[in-house]
Protein backbone atom coordinates (compact mmCIF):
# COMPACT_ATOMS: atom_id res chain seq x y z
CA MET A 1 48.14 41.26 51.56
CA ASN A 2 51.02 38.91 52.41
CA PHE A 3 49.63 35.48 51.50
CA ASN A 4 52.74 33.68 52.76
CA GLU A 5 52.11 34.94 56.28
CA LEU A 6 48.45 34.05 55.93
CA PHE A 7 49.22 30.41 55.06
CA LYS A 8 51.80 30.17 57.83
CA SER A 9 49.12 31.19 60.29
CA LEU A 10 46.72 28.44 59.21
CA ASP A 11 46.10 25.92 61.99
CA LEU A 12 44.24 23.12 60.23
CA SER A 13 44.74 19.47 61.21
CA PHE A 14 43.69 18.31 57.73
CA LEU A 15 46.21 20.53 55.89
CA LEU A 16 49.24 18.27 55.37
CA ASN A 17 51.33 20.82 53.49
CA TYR A 18 51.20 23.71 51.06
CA GLU A 19 53.51 25.05 48.36
CA LYS A 20 53.61 28.49 46.81
CA GLN A 21 53.33 28.54 43.02
CA ASN A 22 53.31 32.30 42.52
CA GLU A 23 52.09 35.40 44.33
CA SER A 24 48.44 34.29 44.38
CA GLU A 25 48.50 30.50 43.71
CA TYR A 26 49.20 27.73 46.24
CA LEU A 27 49.20 23.93 45.99
CA LEU A 28 47.60 22.24 49.00
CA ARG A 29 47.51 18.63 50.15
CA LEU A 30 44.51 17.84 52.33
CA LYS A 31 43.75 14.70 54.33
CA SER A 32 40.43 13.56 55.77
CA LYS A 33 39.52 10.28 57.45
CA ASN A 34 39.33 8.30 54.20
CA ASN A 35 40.81 10.48 51.47
CA GLU A 36 43.73 12.64 50.44
CA TRP A 37 43.34 15.49 47.99
CA ASN A 38 45.65 17.68 45.94
CA ILE A 39 44.15 21.04 45.11
CA LYS A 40 45.29 24.40 43.78
CA VAL A 41 43.95 27.53 45.48
CA VAL A 42 43.95 30.86 43.64
CA LEU A 43 43.60 33.99 45.77
CA GLU A 44 42.33 36.60 43.34
CA ASN A 45 41.15 39.85 44.97
CA PHE A 46 41.10 38.05 48.30
CA PRO A 47 39.63 38.71 50.92
CA TYR A 48 36.96 40.70 49.01
CA LYS A 49 36.29 37.62 46.92
CA LEU A 50 36.37 33.95 47.86
CA PRO A 51 39.33 31.94 46.55
CA LYS A 52 39.00 29.69 43.53
CA SER A 53 40.15 26.08 43.79
CA TYR A 54 41.07 23.35 41.31
CA LEU A 55 41.30 19.60 41.75
CA ILE A 56 44.77 18.38 40.69
CA ASP A 57 43.89 14.66 40.73
CA GLU A 58 42.79 14.37 37.08
CA ASP A 59 41.71 10.73 37.33
CA LEU A 60 38.80 11.82 39.50
CA ILE A 61 37.55 14.53 37.13
CA GLY A 62 34.27 13.35 35.66
CA LEU A 63 33.43 11.25 38.71
CA LEU A 64 32.83 13.97 41.28
CA SER A 65 29.93 16.39 41.48
CA HIS A 66 30.69 20.11 41.63
CA VAL A 67 33.96 19.62 39.71
CA ASN A 68 33.98 20.58 36.03
CA GLU A 69 36.15 19.25 33.20
CA ASN A 70 38.93 21.74 34.02
CA GLY A 71 38.93 20.63 37.65
CA VAL A 72 37.29 23.82 38.94
CA ILE A 73 35.64 23.08 42.30
CA CYS A 74 32.27 24.85 42.55
CA LEU A 75 31.85 25.62 46.22
CA GLU A 76 29.57 28.66 46.21
CA GLU A 77 28.28 31.34 43.89
CA SER A 78 30.27 34.39 44.91
CA ASP A 79 27.41 36.86 44.46
CA SER A 80 25.14 35.05 46.93
CA ILE A 81 27.24 35.42 50.08
CA ILE A 82 28.76 38.20 52.18
CA ILE A 83 32.12 37.74 53.87
CA ASN A 84 33.84 39.71 56.60
CA TYR A 85 36.96 40.89 54.79
CA ASN A 86 38.51 41.99 58.10
CA GLU A 87 39.07 38.33 59.02
CA PRO A 88 41.02 36.84 56.09
CA LEU A 89 42.48 33.97 58.16
CA ASN A 90 39.03 32.79 59.25
CA ILE A 91 37.72 33.10 55.70
CA LEU A 92 40.55 31.03 54.23
CA SER A 93 40.32 28.40 56.98
CA LEU A 94 36.59 27.96 56.55
CA TYR A 95 36.91 27.91 52.77
CA ILE A 96 39.50 25.12 52.75
CA GLU A 97 37.42 23.14 55.24
CA LYS A 98 34.32 23.45 53.03
CA VAL A 99 36.28 22.37 49.95
CA LEU A 100 37.43 19.25 51.79
CA GLU A 101 33.87 18.44 52.90
CA LEU A 102 32.55 18.89 49.36
CA LEU A 103 35.21 16.60 47.85
CA ASP A 104 34.69 13.93 50.54
CA ASP A 105 30.93 13.93 50.00
CA ALA A 106 31.39 13.66 46.24
CA LYS A 107 33.89 10.81 46.61
CA GLN A 108 31.39 8.86 48.72
CA LEU A 109 28.80 9.45 45.94
CA ILE A 110 26.54 11.15 48.48
CA SER A 111 25.91 13.72 45.74
CA LYS A 112 25.93 11.49 42.66
CA ASP A 113 22.55 12.89 41.64
CA ASP A 114 24.12 16.34 41.76
CA LEU A 115 26.71 15.24 39.20
CA LEU A 116 23.99 13.97 36.87
CA ASP A 117 21.93 17.13 37.38
CA GLU A 118 24.86 19.42 36.65
CA TYR A 119 25.96 17.50 33.54
CA GLU A 120 25.67 20.56 31.34
CA GLY A 121 27.74 22.65 33.75
CA TYR A 122 30.54 20.08 33.73
CA PHE A 123 31.77 21.00 30.26
CA VAL A 124 33.78 24.15 29.73
CA ASN A 125 35.96 23.75 26.66
CA LYS A 126 34.48 21.09 24.41
CA VAL A 127 30.91 22.31 24.19
CA LYS A 128 29.31 24.91 21.93
CA TYR A 129 25.74 26.19 22.04
CA VAL A 130 22.72 26.09 19.73
CA ASN A 131 19.42 27.92 20.21
CA ALA A 132 16.39 25.69 20.73
CA PHE A 133 12.65 26.41 20.84
CA TYR A 134 12.03 22.70 21.36
CA ASN A 135 10.49 21.50 24.64
CA THR A 136 12.24 18.21 25.39
CA GLU A 137 10.16 15.40 26.89
CA ASP A 138 10.83 11.73 27.50
CA LYS A 139 9.68 10.52 24.09
CA ILE A 140 11.53 9.83 20.88
CA GLU A 141 10.49 11.98 17.94
CA GLN A 142 11.63 13.66 14.77
CA ILE A 143 12.41 17.35 15.14
CA ALA A 144 13.75 20.11 12.90
CA LEU A 145 17.18 21.73 12.84
CA LYS A 146 18.31 24.75 10.86
CA ILE A 147 21.97 24.41 9.85
CA GLY A 148 24.67 26.35 8.06
CA ASN A 149 26.28 25.16 4.86
CA GLU A 150 26.10 21.36 4.48
CA SER A 151 29.67 21.07 3.22
CA PHE A 152 32.38 19.59 5.42
CA SER A 153 34.39 22.80 5.29
CA THR A 154 31.82 24.55 7.49
CA SER A 155 30.86 21.33 9.31
CA GLY A 156 27.15 22.08 8.82
CA LYS A 157 27.03 24.27 11.92
CA PRO A 158 23.70 23.87 13.79
CA ILE A 159 21.75 27.10 14.20
CA LEU A 160 18.24 26.49 15.55
CA ILE A 161 16.30 23.48 16.91
CA TYR A 162 12.50 23.43 16.96
CA ASP A 163 9.45 21.20 16.71
CA ASP A 164 8.44 21.26 13.07
CA LYS A 165 4.82 20.47 13.98
CA LYS A 166 4.55 23.47 16.32
CA GLY A 167 7.09 25.81 14.71
CA PHE A 168 8.54 28.62 16.76
CA PRO A 169 7.36 32.15 17.65
CA SER A 170 8.16 33.76 14.32
CA THR A 171 7.45 37.31 15.53
CA PHE A 172 9.94 36.98 18.40
CA SER A 173 13.20 38.92 18.00
CA ASN A 174 14.61 38.19 14.52
CA VAL A 175 14.03 34.42 14.38
CA ASN A 176 11.93 34.82 11.23
CA GLN A 177 15.15 35.79 9.43
CA VAL A 178 16.77 32.41 10.16
CA ASN A 179 16.37 30.99 6.66
CA ASN A 180 19.10 28.37 6.82
CA THR A 181 18.76 24.85 5.45
CA LYS A 182 16.36 22.66 7.42
CA VAL A 183 17.15 19.01 8.20
CA ASN A 184 15.13 16.47 10.16
CA ILE A 185 16.91 14.89 13.12
CA LEU A 186 16.09 12.55 16.00
CA HIS A 187 15.52 13.42 19.61
CA ILE A 188 16.47 10.31 21.60
CA PRO A 189 15.63 10.22 25.33
CA LEU A 190 18.07 7.97 27.19
CA GLU A 191 16.58 5.64 29.80
CA ILE A 192 18.83 6.80 32.64
CA GLY A 193 21.16 9.63 33.52
CA VAL A 194 24.71 9.01 32.35
CA LEU A 195 27.82 10.43 33.99
CA PRO A 196 29.84 12.95 31.95
CA PRO A 197 33.10 11.79 30.34
CA SER A 198 36.18 11.57 32.52
CA LYS A 199 39.22 13.72 31.81
CA LYS A 200 40.71 10.91 29.69
CA MET A 201 37.44 10.22 27.85
CA LEU A 202 37.24 13.86 26.83
CA LEU A 203 40.09 13.12 24.42
CA ASP A 204 37.93 10.53 22.67
CA LEU A 205 34.40 11.88 22.57
CA HIS A 206 33.45 9.47 19.79
CA SER A 207 33.90 6.47 22.10
CA TYR A 208 31.97 8.22 24.85
CA VAL A 209 29.02 9.03 22.55
CA LYS A 210 28.98 5.44 21.25
CA SER A 211 28.69 4.25 24.86
CA LEU A 212 25.42 6.19 25.14
CA TYR A 213 23.74 3.98 22.53
CA GLU A 214 23.26 1.15 25.05
CA TYR A 215 20.91 3.41 27.03
CA ILE A 216 18.58 4.01 24.07
CA PRO A 217 15.22 2.39 25.00
CA LYS A 218 14.73 -0.87 23.11
CA ASN A 219 11.12 -0.01 22.31
CA ASP A 220 12.38 2.99 20.30
CA SER A 221 14.22 0.80 17.79
CA ASP A 222 11.27 0.60 15.34
CA PHE A 223 10.96 4.40 15.28
CA ILE A 224 14.72 4.77 14.72
CA ASN A 225 14.77 2.17 11.92
CA LYS A 226 11.83 3.85 10.20
CA PHE A 227 13.63 7.20 10.41
CA LEU A 228 16.87 5.69 9.07
CA ASN A 229 15.10 4.03 6.17
CA LYS A 230 13.62 7.37 5.12
CA LYS A 231 17.02 9.09 5.45
CA ASN A 232 19.11 6.31 3.93
CA THR A 233 21.65 8.61 2.31
CA LYS A 234 25.32 9.20 2.98
CA ARG A 235 26.25 12.68 4.16
CA HIS A 236 29.06 14.73 5.65
CA ASN A 237 26.99 15.75 8.67
CA PHE A 238 24.53 14.08 11.02
CA TYR A 239 22.91 15.25 14.26
CA ILE A 240 21.22 13.58 17.22
CA LEU A 241 19.65 15.39 20.15
CA PHE A 242 20.08 13.27 23.28
CA SER A 243 18.32 13.91 26.56
CA MET A 244 18.33 12.18 29.92
CA PRO A 245 16.39 12.58 33.16
CA ARG A 246 17.38 14.90 35.99
CA THR A 247 16.21 14.43 39.55
CA LYS A 248 14.12 17.62 39.55
CA GLY A 249 12.04 17.01 36.46
CA GLU A 250 13.92 18.86 33.69
CA ARG A 251 16.00 16.89 31.24
CA THR A 252 19.68 17.26 30.47
CA GLN A 253 19.96 17.93 26.73
CA PHE A 254 22.86 17.96 24.30
CA LEU A 255 23.17 17.86 20.54
CA VAL A 256 25.80 15.60 19.02
CA HIS A 257 27.15 16.76 15.68
CA TYR A 258 28.86 14.00 13.69
CA TYR A 259 30.96 15.11 10.70
CA SER A 260 33.45 13.62 8.27
CA LYS A 261 35.48 14.58 5.19
CA VAL A 262 33.80 11.76 3.25
CA LYS A 263 30.11 11.01 3.05
CA LEU A 264 29.07 8.27 5.48
CA LYS A 265 25.95 6.51 6.72
CA HIS A 266 24.01 7.73 9.72
CA PRO A 267 25.92 6.89 12.93
CA LEU A 268 22.99 4.77 14.18
CA ALA A 269 22.92 2.83 10.91
CA ASP A 270 26.62 2.04 11.14
CA LYS A 271 27.74 2.40 14.75
CA GLU A 272 31.37 1.65 13.90
CA THR A 273 31.67 4.62 11.55
CA ASP A 274 34.47 6.94 12.65
CA PHE A 275 33.04 10.44 12.71
CA LYS A 276 34.51 13.50 14.29
CA ILE A 277 32.26 14.87 16.98
CA ASP A 278 31.22 18.21 18.45
CA LEU A 279 28.91 18.61 21.42
CA TYR A 280 26.37 21.40 21.60
CA PHE A 281 24.32 22.31 24.62
CA LEU A 282 21.01 24.08 24.18
CA ASN A 283 20.26 27.72 24.80
CA ARG A 284 16.74 26.91 25.96
CA ASN A 285 14.01 29.10 24.48
CA ASN A 286 11.04 26.90 25.39
CA GLU A 287 8.23 28.59 27.29
CA SER A 288 8.32 26.89 30.70
CA TYR A 289 12.10 27.28 31.01
CA LEU A 290 12.17 30.94 29.97
CA LYS A 291 9.39 31.88 32.35
CA GLU A 292 10.84 30.09 35.36
CA ARG A 293 14.37 31.29 34.64
CA GLY A 294 13.16 34.86 34.16
CA GLY A 295 11.03 34.97 37.31
CA SER A 296 7.68 34.76 35.53
CA ASN A 297 4.87 32.54 36.75
CA ASN A 298 3.97 29.47 34.69
CA ASN A 299 0.56 29.44 36.42
CA LEU A 300 -0.32 32.59 34.47
CA THR A 301 0.14 30.99 31.05
CA ASN A 302 -3.60 30.40 30.55
CA LYS A 303 -4.73 33.71 32.06
CA LYS A 304 -6.34 36.45 29.94
CA VAL A 305 -6.21 40.14 30.80
CA SER A 306 -7.84 43.05 28.96
CA ILE A 307 -6.38 46.57 29.25
CA ILE A 308 -8.71 49.45 28.43
CA GLY A 309 -6.55 52.47 27.65
CA CYS A 310 -3.06 51.93 26.29
CA GLY A 311 -1.54 55.32 26.95
CA SER A 312 1.31 56.04 29.32
CA VAL A 313 0.11 53.82 32.19
CA GLY A 314 -1.71 51.14 30.18
CA SER A 315 1.17 50.56 27.78
CA GLU A 316 3.57 50.03 30.67
CA ILE A 317 1.13 47.60 32.32
CA SER A 318 0.89 45.62 29.08
CA MET A 319 4.65 45.04 28.98
CA MET A 320 4.88 44.31 32.72
CA LEU A 321 2.14 41.68 32.48
CA ALA A 322 3.69 40.17 29.37
CA LYS A 323 6.98 39.79 31.24
CA SER A 324 5.10 38.36 34.24
CA GLY A 325 3.96 35.40 32.15
CA ILE A 326 0.36 36.31 31.24
CA GLY A 327 -0.65 34.15 28.29
CA GLU A 328 -3.07 36.49 26.52
CA LEU A 329 -3.53 40.25 26.47
CA THR A 330 -6.37 42.20 24.85
CA LEU A 331 -5.44 45.84 24.26
CA ILE A 332 -8.24 48.36 23.77
CA ASP A 333 -7.56 51.94 22.64
CA ASN A 334 -8.62 54.11 19.71
CA ASP A 335 -5.62 56.46 19.78
CA ILE A 336 -2.56 56.65 17.54
CA LEU A 337 1.03 57.09 18.66
CA THR A 338 2.53 60.51 17.97
CA GLN A 339 5.76 62.26 18.79
CA ASP A 340 3.96 63.91 21.74
CA ASN A 341 3.83 60.51 23.47
CA ILE A 342 7.36 59.18 23.28
CA PHE A 343 8.81 60.63 26.50
CA ARG A 344 6.19 59.00 28.69
CA HIS A 345 4.84 56.07 26.67
CA ARG A 346 6.24 52.52 26.73
CA LEU A 347 6.73 52.87 22.99
CA GLY A 348 9.45 55.26 21.90
CA GLY A 349 10.62 56.97 18.75
CA SER A 350 11.43 53.70 16.98
CA SER A 351 7.67 53.10 16.74
CA LEU A 352 6.93 56.40 14.98
CA ASN A 353 6.51 56.61 11.25
CA TYR A 354 8.01 59.37 9.12
CA LEU A 355 7.73 57.68 5.71
CA PRO A 356 4.96 58.86 3.35
CA ASN A 357 2.75 56.34 1.56
CA ASP A 358 2.06 56.24 -2.19
CA LYS A 359 -0.14 59.31 -1.81
CA LEU A 360 2.68 61.15 -0.02
CA ILE A 361 0.76 61.08 3.27
CA VAL A 362 2.57 60.25 6.51
CA ILE A 363 0.32 58.05 8.66
CA ASN A 364 0.98 57.18 12.30
CA ASN A 365 0.00 53.74 13.58
CA SER A 366 -2.34 52.85 16.42
CA LYS A 367 -0.91 52.36 19.88
CA VAL A 368 -2.48 48.90 20.21
CA LYS A 369 -1.02 47.55 16.96
CA LEU A 370 2.40 48.96 17.78
CA LEU A 371 2.24 47.49 21.28
CA GLU A 372 1.26 44.12 19.86
CA LYS A 373 4.29 44.19 17.57
CA GLN A 374 6.66 45.27 20.35
CA ILE A 375 5.37 42.78 22.93
CA LYS A 376 5.53 39.82 20.54
CA LYS A 377 8.99 40.86 19.42
CA ASP A 378 10.20 41.00 23.04
CA ILE A 379 8.21 38.12 24.56
CA PRO A 380 7.62 34.73 22.92
CA TYR A 381 4.62 32.50 23.61
CA ILE A 382 2.11 35.29 24.20
CA LYS A 383 -1.10 36.11 22.37
CA VAL A 384 -1.98 39.78 21.89
CA ASN A 385 -5.36 40.96 20.62
CA PRO A 386 -5.17 44.62 19.52
CA LYS A 387 -8.54 46.40 19.41
CA PHE A 388 -8.22 49.78 17.68
CA ASN A 389 -11.63 50.90 18.84
CA LYS A 390 -13.55 52.60 21.62
CA PHE A 391 -14.56 50.46 24.58
CA ASN A 392 -18.25 51.25 24.04
CA ASN A 393 -18.05 49.58 20.61
CA LEU A 394 -16.66 46.33 22.07
CA LEU A 395 -19.29 45.38 24.66
CA GLU A 396 -19.95 42.11 22.82
CA ASP A 397 -16.33 41.40 21.95
CA LYS A 398 -15.41 37.78 22.77
CA ASP A 399 -11.84 38.56 23.82
CA LEU A 400 -13.11 41.14 26.31
CA LEU A 401 -15.87 38.88 27.65
CA ASP A 402 -13.45 35.95 28.11
CA SER A 403 -11.01 38.00 30.21
CA ASP A 404 -10.10 36.93 33.74
CA ILE A 405 -9.40 40.55 34.73
CA ILE A 406 -10.09 43.94 33.17
CA ILE A 407 -7.64 46.80 33.82
CA VAL A 408 -8.97 50.30 33.19
CA ALA A 409 -6.21 52.85 32.60
CA VAL A 410 -8.05 55.59 30.75
CA GLY A 411 -7.16 58.37 33.20
CA SER A 412 -10.47 60.24 32.82
CA PRO A 413 -12.69 59.91 35.93
CA MET A 414 -15.97 60.24 34.02
CA GLU A 415 -14.92 57.72 31.40
CA SER A 416 -13.90 55.35 34.21
CA ILE A 417 -17.29 55.80 35.88
CA ASP A 418 -19.02 54.92 32.60
CA ILE A 419 -16.80 51.85 32.06
CA ASN A 420 -17.39 50.76 35.67
CA MET A 421 -21.16 50.77 35.12
CA LYS A 422 -20.97 48.86 31.82
CA LEU A 423 -18.56 46.22 33.18
CA LYS A 424 -20.96 45.64 36.07
CA LYS A 425 -23.84 45.06 33.64
CA LEU A 426 -21.68 42.69 31.56
CA GLY A 427 -20.88 40.63 34.65
CA LEU A 428 -17.14 41.34 34.29
CA ASN A 429 -16.54 41.79 37.99
CA LYS A 430 -12.77 41.40 38.45
CA VAL A 431 -11.52 44.90 37.61
CA ILE A 432 -8.57 47.19 38.35
CA PHE A 433 -8.81 50.97 37.90
CA CYS A 434 -5.55 52.93 37.88
CA TRP A 435 -4.56 56.52 37.20
CA ASN A 436 -1.90 59.19 37.75
CA GLU A 437 -2.51 62.46 39.52
CA ALA A 438 -1.31 65.65 37.85
CA ASP A 439 2.20 67.04 38.13
CA GLY A 440 3.68 63.81 39.44
CA VAL A 441 1.97 64.18 42.82
CA GLY A 442 1.15 60.47 42.96
CA GLY A 443 -0.85 57.63 41.52
CA HIS A 444 -3.42 54.99 42.48
CA SER A 445 -4.45 51.46 41.60
CA VAL A 446 -7.72 49.99 42.87
CA SER A 447 -8.52 46.27 42.65
CA LEU A 448 -12.24 45.49 42.79
CA ASP A 449 -14.74 42.70 42.75
CA LEU A 450 -17.73 44.60 41.38
CA GLU A 451 -20.07 42.25 43.23
CA LYS A 452 -18.71 43.69 46.48
CA SER A 453 -17.67 47.29 45.68
CA CYS A 454 -17.07 49.42 42.62
CA TYR A 455 -15.21 52.45 41.24
CA GLU A 456 -18.19 54.75 41.85
CA CYS A 457 -17.96 53.94 45.58
CA LEU A 458 -14.86 56.17 45.58
CA TYR A 459 -17.14 59.08 44.64
CA THR A 460 -19.89 58.22 47.12
CA ASN A 461 -20.37 59.40 50.71
CA ASP A 462 -23.24 59.39 53.22
CA GLU A 463 -25.18 61.85 51.07
CA GLY A 464 -24.65 59.88 47.86
CA PHE A 465 -22.67 60.64 44.68
CA ASN A 466 -20.25 63.58 44.75
CA ASN A 467 -17.48 64.82 42.47
CA PHE A 468 -14.56 64.16 44.82
CA ASN A 469 -12.56 60.92 44.79
CA GLU A 470 -11.78 59.85 48.36
CA LEU A 471 -8.28 58.71 47.30
CA SER A 472 -7.35 62.05 45.72
CA PHE A 473 -4.11 63.80 46.66
CA LEU A 474 -5.10 67.09 44.95
CA GLU A 475 -7.74 69.59 46.01
CA LEU A 476 -10.61 70.32 43.66
CA GLY A 477 -11.03 73.60 41.81
CA GLN A 478 -7.48 74.21 40.59
CA ASN A 479 -6.09 74.21 37.07
CA ILE A 480 -4.07 71.01 36.62
CA SER A 481 -3.71 71.06 32.80
CA LYS A 482 -1.13 72.58 30.48
CA ASN A 483 -1.04 73.43 26.81
CA LEU A 484 1.93 74.34 24.64
CA THR A 485 0.24 74.79 21.27
CA GLY A 486 -3.26 76.08 22.03
CA CYS A 487 -6.53 74.44 23.08
CA ALA A 488 -6.00 71.38 20.90
CA GLY A 489 -2.80 70.58 22.75
CA VAL A 490 -4.12 70.48 26.33
CA PHE A 491 -2.56 67.72 28.45
CA THR A 492 -2.18 66.67 32.07
CA PRO A 493 1.47 66.85 33.15
CA PHE A 494 3.15 63.73 34.56
CA SER A 495 6.26 61.74 33.61
CA TYR A 496 7.21 58.27 32.46
CA LEU A 497 8.49 57.53 35.95
CA ASP A 498 5.10 58.50 37.38
CA SER A 499 3.31 56.21 34.96
CA SER A 500 5.75 53.37 35.64
CA SER A 501 5.13 53.69 39.39
CA THR A 502 1.37 53.47 38.90
CA ALA A 503 1.67 50.66 36.35
CA LEU A 504 3.79 48.66 38.78
CA LEU A 505 1.07 48.86 41.45
CA ALA A 506 -1.61 47.82 38.96
CA SER A 507 0.46 44.95 37.56
CA LYS A 508 1.19 43.56 41.01
CA GLN A 509 -2.49 43.83 41.94
CA CYS A 510 -3.42 41.99 38.77
CA ILE A 511 -1.12 39.07 39.61
CA GLU A 512 -2.40 38.98 43.20
CA MET A 513 -5.99 38.86 41.97
CA LEU A 514 -5.23 36.07 39.50
CA ILE A 515 -3.28 33.91 41.93
CA ASN A 516 -4.68 34.73 45.38
CA ASN A 517 -8.01 36.45 44.51
CA LEU A 518 -7.02 39.53 46.54
CA HIS A 519 -9.22 42.53 45.83
CA SER A 520 -11.01 45.52 47.39
CA GLN A 521 -7.73 47.34 47.97
CA ALA A 522 -6.42 50.72 46.91
CA LEU A 523 -2.65 51.08 46.50
CA SER A 524 -1.27 54.61 46.31
CA TRP A 525 2.14 56.22 45.93
CA LYS A 526 3.08 59.86 46.42
CA THR A 527 6.03 62.09 45.62
CA LEU A 528 8.50 63.83 47.91
CA SER A 529 9.27 66.50 45.33
CA ASN A 530 8.25 70.14 45.50
CA ILE A 531 4.57 70.49 44.66
CA ASN A 532 3.07 73.56 43.02
CA LEU A 533 -0.53 72.47 43.50
CA LYS A 534 -2.81 72.36 46.54
CA VAL A 535 -2.89 68.92 48.14
CA THR A 536 -5.46 67.21 50.35
CA GLN A 537 -5.09 66.27 53.98
CA ARG A 538 -4.92 62.64 52.85
CA PHE A 539 -1.75 63.48 50.91
CA MET A 540 -0.25 65.08 54.01
CA ASP A 541 -1.16 62.11 56.24
CA SER A 542 -0.28 59.23 53.90
CA ASN A 543 2.97 57.29 53.61
CA LEU A 544 5.03 57.23 50.42
CA GLN A 545 3.20 54.00 49.61
CA GLU A 546 -0.12 53.14 51.17
CA VAL A 547 -2.64 50.30 51.19
CA LYS A 548 -6.29 51.12 51.89
CA SER A 549 -9.14 48.62 52.20
CA LEU A 550 -12.30 49.40 50.26
CA GLU A 551 -15.93 48.65 51.05
CA SER A 552 -19.16 49.14 49.18
CA LYS A 553 -20.96 52.39 50.03
CA SER A 554 -24.60 52.11 51.04
CA LYS A 555 -25.48 55.10 48.83
CA CYS A 556 -23.58 53.83 45.75
CA ARG A 557 -25.96 53.82 42.77
CA ILE A 558 -24.09 51.02 40.94
CA CYS A 559 -23.67 48.62 43.86
CA ASN A 560 -27.30 49.05 44.94
CA GLU A 561 -29.14 48.99 41.64
């Protein structure tokens, strides 16, 4: 595209002049009612991507919202809009107009709160990052920091921040291997939000950080003095975690690392001490942030769900619910994981064991213990109760009885009927039953309030109990099993994708029951693939995904006991 011709065609009253820098960069001078602006516009992959613009007036950097320390003007996230690339002139005209509006609003301090809220996004070059499992609040306190070597040569690089009283989720990822030196540091909440340093102040971060001290609450001075008296030693490195309020409830947080070639007093004990300074922003690992940022629901933190059957479907549900923000999972299954499972189970080959013990016996581990390990390694802040046992042996188990919802994913209809009856007697009425049909034909998830209807209602008609599930996609009386190694190796064929589809329905139903108390629904999915088995008329008539309301049957033995 010829950008020269494009700029010549611009008809904008507020564009005073423009100057070409190179093939894709242009300097523009813009004028509004009260302001003039010098900006640089970079046309990279235009018009399939919006231009990028920079503020040239360096004296204003640090005073305007949506402008970072390099002068980059943040107008819009490029992946959240669609532009008509056939109209490049209109795109460029509108873009320049929006940049002018943004700068004018920022200059009038209409968006001053935005600048305070985006403090952490302002820095590009000067800031490094440190992982933190600490949940910052508006109170001063002593916290823990793992650091690298204390010597000046490595500048005591900060590694991990956490609350020493609460610790951090040691089974999560590989955090338990962070065995670096621990030091105690202060978290100091500033009274008000402070603007980021200007372009000139960035050259002297020490002066900027010293200016923050005047916003330390006066009533925190006793706590600080007590801390300093305990730590009254000279060192090469000191650290302070500062935080300040944002308009939307979170707090801006940054760690200041003070370091010097010679050992000095704490910077709050001698505020004139000339340290070098690095700023670190926090890679937040605290629970509320991770859940909101990852799309989980913080309202589910105190919810407890039990899953009976942790095979192909149940194991996938357990991980989906963990990632949805459920606070506690109880996993019930008496099976072990074998190589037969890995192509359709949530756990794969990395969970198998091939090493013999002292007696030269190779022992495989239970699915529930392996799932517990995997879930807690992948998801912090979750409690998992593995029960390597049969459901019938756990009818008095406290974790089961305390559950908000029970999910039954055992697959076997008769076992499900038995569980349905026992849950009803236990008064555990919020239940989901889910299962795959053979050969990838489809799957079902049924949410129930056992006080209103139950699983056995699906097998009940006007005559009473029968052996046909009204949701079934497959006709009765046909062989749906396979075996590859003889009678001991009989299995029902379906894939990981089939189980994931069913697990997704069950997981969504679980969340809907917990949040909105929605129940008495059957969700079903079916395949479009070639089918080698005889299917029911319901299969022929149903959509690829279907919702069906459920009611108690007058002849149901369980509902009418």
